[in-house]
Amino acid sequence: MHLTLDQFLSRFMLHLPTAPSAAAQGDRHAAVLVPVINAAQPELLLTRRAAQLRKHAGQVAFPGGMQDASDASLIHTALREAQEEVGIAPEQVRVVGTLPPVTSSIGFAVTPVVGIVAPDARLKLNPDEVESAFTMPLAEALRLSRYSGFTLQRGNRRHQLWLSWYGDYFIWGMTAGIIRELGQQIALTDVAHLPSSAHQR
């Protein structure tokens, strides 16, 4: 059993893209692109950040970063960052909506922008930011049972975090939370009970 692109788009409650708005000075906003590859069996594209980065080095992530003052909107931020990090041109992405912002560990409000990527899009990784990129079947990525939860205490606040393995890739934190949020929005439950992928451990 697999999840088609039409099923994906019909089962999720994505916010429609909002009107462009310039970044206000002093705001701490960021955006990531959640790239869904438009294949016969759709795939989710993820990256592993370069080891030499000052923050979140070596972590699995979506392409993204901080909003610049010149960005017309957070959607523009996500598309710009995706082009800079993995070489996907904005015209190869069909933005279908956004998810509610999530707060990063360093205090940014991060807006996930869901986009359908052309199957012939060629990646060109920026070695200064990205060590590698990989895809996983969308249906497998959204299977809720693959995520384990744990609680992290920071000062007086408790944070619920999620983690999962896919092959040699450890997916956790904000990235895992965003994927799991999509998984929770499935209207039907059949995808959540798909057999485990051979890549899962």
Protein backbone atom coordinates (compact mmCIF):
# COMPACT_ATOMS: atom_id res chain seq x y z
CA MET A 1 0.00 0.00 0.00
CA HIS A 2 1.21 3.50 -0.74
CA LEU A 3 0.14 7.10 -0.37
CA THR A 4 -0.47 8.97 -3.61
CA LEU A 5 0.10 12.69 -3.99
CA ASP A 6 -3.64 13.29 -4.40
CA GLN A 7 -4.32 11.42 -1.16
CA PHE A 8 -1.66 13.45 0.60
CA LEU A 9 -3.13 16.73 -0.56
CA SER A 10 -6.70 15.75 0.30
CA ARG A 11 -5.96 14.46 3.80
CA PHE A 12 -4.09 17.37 5.30
CA MET A 13 -5.23 20.65 6.78
CA LEU A 14 -2.60 22.97 5.36
CA HIS A 15 -2.89 26.72 5.78
CA LEU A 16 -3.11 28.47 2.44
CA PRO A 17 -0.10 30.65 1.59
CA THR A 18 -0.53 34.06 3.15
CA ALA A 19 -0.07 37.43 1.50
CA PRO A 20 3.57 38.52 1.31
CA SER A 21 4.87 40.53 4.24
CA ALA A 22 8.31 42.01 4.74
CA ALA A 23 10.41 40.88 7.71
CA ALA A 24 10.07 43.36 10.53
CA GLN A 25 13.32 44.49 12.05
CA GLY A 26 14.05 42.62 15.26
CA ASP A 27 11.66 39.75 14.53
CA ARG A 28 13.09 36.27 15.00
CA HIS A 29 11.40 34.38 12.22
CA ALA A 30 12.61 31.50 10.08
CA ALA A 31 11.12 29.05 7.61
CA VAL A 32 11.87 25.59 6.30
CA LEU A 33 10.74 23.91 3.11
CA VAL A 34 9.08 20.53 3.59
CA PRO A 35 9.82 19.12 0.11
CA VAL A 36 7.54 16.35 -1.16
CA ILE A 37 8.92 14.80 -4.35
CA ASN A 38 6.14 14.25 -6.88
CA ALA A 39 6.97 10.64 -7.75
CA ALA A 40 4.65 7.66 -8.36
CA GLN A 41 5.17 6.96 -4.67
CA PRO A 42 5.83 10.41 -3.19
CA GLU A 43 8.98 10.88 -1.16
CA LEU A 44 10.05 13.30 1.53
CA LEU A 45 13.40 15.04 1.02
CA LEU A 46 15.62 15.69 4.03
CA THR A 47 19.19 16.82 4.56
CA ARG A 48 21.98 16.21 7.04
CA ARG A 49 23.62 19.46 8.06
CA ALA A 50 27.35 19.92 7.58
CA ALA A 51 29.55 18.91 10.50
CA GLN A 52 31.37 22.24 10.62
CA LEU A 53 28.28 24.36 11.21
CA ARG A 54 28.17 26.32 14.46
CA LYS A 55 24.56 25.33 15.27
CA HIS A 56 22.82 21.96 14.84
CA ALA A 57 25.86 20.44 13.11
CA GLY A 58 25.26 16.96 11.68
CA GLN A 59 21.54 16.98 12.42
CA VAL A 60 18.84 15.85 10.00
CA ALA A 61 16.83 18.86 8.89
CA PHE A 62 14.68 20.42 6.22
CA PRO A 63 16.26 23.11 4.03
CA GLY A 64 15.63 26.45 5.68
CA GLY A 65 16.90 29.35 7.70
CA MET A 66 16.31 32.81 9.09
CA GLN A 67 14.10 35.32 7.32
CA ASP A 68 16.02 38.14 5.69
CA ALA A 69 14.72 41.70 5.63
CA SER A 70 14.64 41.45 1.82
CA ASP A 71 12.39 38.37 1.81
CA ALA A 72 8.87 39.17 0.64
CA SER A 73 7.43 36.47 2.92
CA LEU A 74 8.35 33.41 4.93
CA ILE A 75 7.44 31.32 1.88
CA HIS A 76 10.09 33.25 -0.03
CA THR A 77 12.51 32.52 2.83
CA ALA A 78 11.91 28.78 2.58
CA LEU A 79 12.30 28.74 -1.21
CA ARG A 80 15.43 30.90 -1.12
CA GLU A 81 17.07 28.74 1.53
CA ALA A 82 16.19 25.54 -0.35
CA GLN A 83 17.84 26.89 -3.47
CA GLU A 84 20.93 27.95 -1.52
CA GLU A 85 21.26 24.67 0.37
CA VAL A 86 20.25 21.97 -2.10
CA GLY A 87 19.89 23.75 -5.44
CA ILE A 88 16.12 23.39 -5.93
CA ALA A 89 14.92 26.34 -8.01
CA PRO A 90 11.76 28.09 -6.74
CA GLU A 91 9.99 27.43 -10.06
CA GLN A 92 10.37 23.70 -9.42
CA VAL A 93 8.32 23.94 -6.23
CA ARG A 94 4.53 24.21 -5.99
CA VAL A 95 3.75 25.59 -2.55
CA VAL A 96 0.54 24.02 -1.25
CA GLY A 97 0.42 25.53 2.23
CA THR A 98 2.08 25.97 5.58
CA LEU A 99 1.93 24.45 9.03
CA PRO A 100 1.63 26.50 12.23
CA PRO A 101 4.98 27.96 13.34
CA VAL A 102 7.05 25.98 15.82
CA THR A 103 9.64 27.39 18.22
CA SER A 104 13.22 26.30 17.65
CA SER A 105 15.69 25.55 20.43
CA ILE A 106 17.32 28.95 19.87
CA GLY A 107 14.08 30.92 20.01
CA PHE A 108 13.07 31.37 16.37
CA ALA A 109 9.46 31.00 15.24
CA VAL A 110 9.89 28.56 12.35
CA THR A 111 7.17 28.23 9.71
CA PRO A 112 7.13 24.91 7.80
CA VAL A 113 6.26 25.52 4.13
CA VAL A 114 4.98 22.41 2.35
CA GLY A 115 5.92 22.26 -1.31
CA ILE A 116 5.55 19.71 -4.09
CA VAL A 117 8.86 19.35 -5.93
CA ALA A 118 9.14 18.37 -9.58
CA PRO A 119 10.46 14.79 -9.95
CA ASP A 120 13.18 15.95 -12.33
CA ALA A 121 14.59 18.53 -9.92
CA ARG A 122 18.33 18.03 -9.63
CA LEU A 123 20.00 18.62 -6.31
CA LYS A 124 23.18 20.64 -5.98
CA LEU A 125 24.28 20.47 -2.36
CA ASN A 126 26.08 23.40 -0.78
CA PRO A 127 28.94 21.68 1.11
CA ASP A 128 29.23 24.63 3.49
CA GLU A 129 25.74 23.87 4.82
CA VAL A 130 24.73 20.34 3.79
CA GLU A 131 26.67 17.11 4.20
CA SER A 132 24.14 14.89 2.42
CA ALA A 133 20.53 14.61 1.30
CA PHE A 134 18.22 11.62 1.30
CA THR A 135 14.61 10.72 0.62
CA MET A 136 12.22 8.42 2.38
CA PRO A 137 8.80 7.20 1.21
CA LEU A 138 6.20 9.72 2.32
CA ALA A 139 3.88 7.02 3.66
CA GLU A 140 6.70 5.64 5.81
CA ALA A 141 7.72 9.09 7.03
CA LEU A 142 4.16 9.82 8.18
CA ARG A 143 3.62 6.54 10.02
CA LEU A 144 3.12 7.68 13.61
CA SER A 145 4.32 4.45 15.18
CA ARG A 146 7.87 5.06 13.97
CA TYR A 147 8.26 8.04 16.36
CA SER A 148 9.20 7.71 20.02
CA GLY A 149 8.65 10.58 22.42
CA PHE A 150 10.73 11.91 25.26
CA THR A 151 10.57 14.95 27.53
CA LEU A 152 13.38 17.49 27.79
CA GLN A 153 13.61 19.83 30.76
CA ARG A 154 14.97 23.32 30.03
CA GLY A 155 14.90 25.50 33.12
CA ASN A 156 11.32 25.50 34.37
CA ARG A 157 9.85 24.34 31.06
CA ARG A 158 9.27 20.82 29.81
CA HIS A 159 9.42 20.14 26.07
CA GLN A 160 7.95 17.11 24.31
CA LEU A 161 10.33 15.90 21.61
CA TRP A 162 10.17 13.06 19.08
CA LEU A 163 12.79 10.84 17.51
CA SER A 164 13.09 8.16 14.86
CA TRP A 165 15.71 6.27 12.84
CA TYR A 166 15.69 5.81 9.08
CA GLY A 167 18.65 3.74 7.99
CA ASP A 168 21.70 5.57 9.31
CA TYR A 169 19.81 8.83 9.74
CA PHE A 170 18.65 9.91 13.19
CA ILE A 171 15.62 12.20 12.90
CA TRP A 172 14.64 14.08 16.02
CA GLY A 173 13.65 17.41 17.52
CA MET A 174 11.87 20.02 15.44
CA THR A 175 12.27 18.07 12.18
CA ALA A 176 10.67 14.93 13.61
CA GLY A 177 7.95 17.06 15.20
CA ILE A 178 7.05 18.67 11.87
CA ILE A 179 6.83 15.31 10.10
CA ARG A 180 4.77 13.86 12.93
CA GLU A 181 2.43 16.86 12.78
CA LEU A 182 1.74 16.02 9.15
CA GLY A 183 1.20 12.39 10.07
CA GLN A 184 -1.34 13.36 12.72
CA GLN A 185 -3.38 15.24 10.15
CA ILE A 186 -4.17 12.19 8.04
CA ALA A 187 -7.95 11.88 7.82
CA LEU A 188 -7.86 8.09 7.30
CA THR A 189 -5.84 5.74 9.49
CA ASP A 190 -4.70 3.13 7.00
CA VAL A 191 -1.36 4.80 6.27
CA ALA A 192 -0.51 4.95 9.96
CA HIS A 193 -0.57 1.14 10.09
CA LEU A 194 1.60 0.39 7.10
CA PRO A 195 4.21 -2.35 7.64
CA SER A 196 7.61 -1.09 8.75
CA SER A 197 10.05 -0.21 5.99
CA ALA A 198 13.09 -2.39 5.62
CA HIS A 199 15.08 0.74 6.38
CA GLN A 200 13.51 1.25 9.80
CA ARG A 201 15.27 0.00 12.91
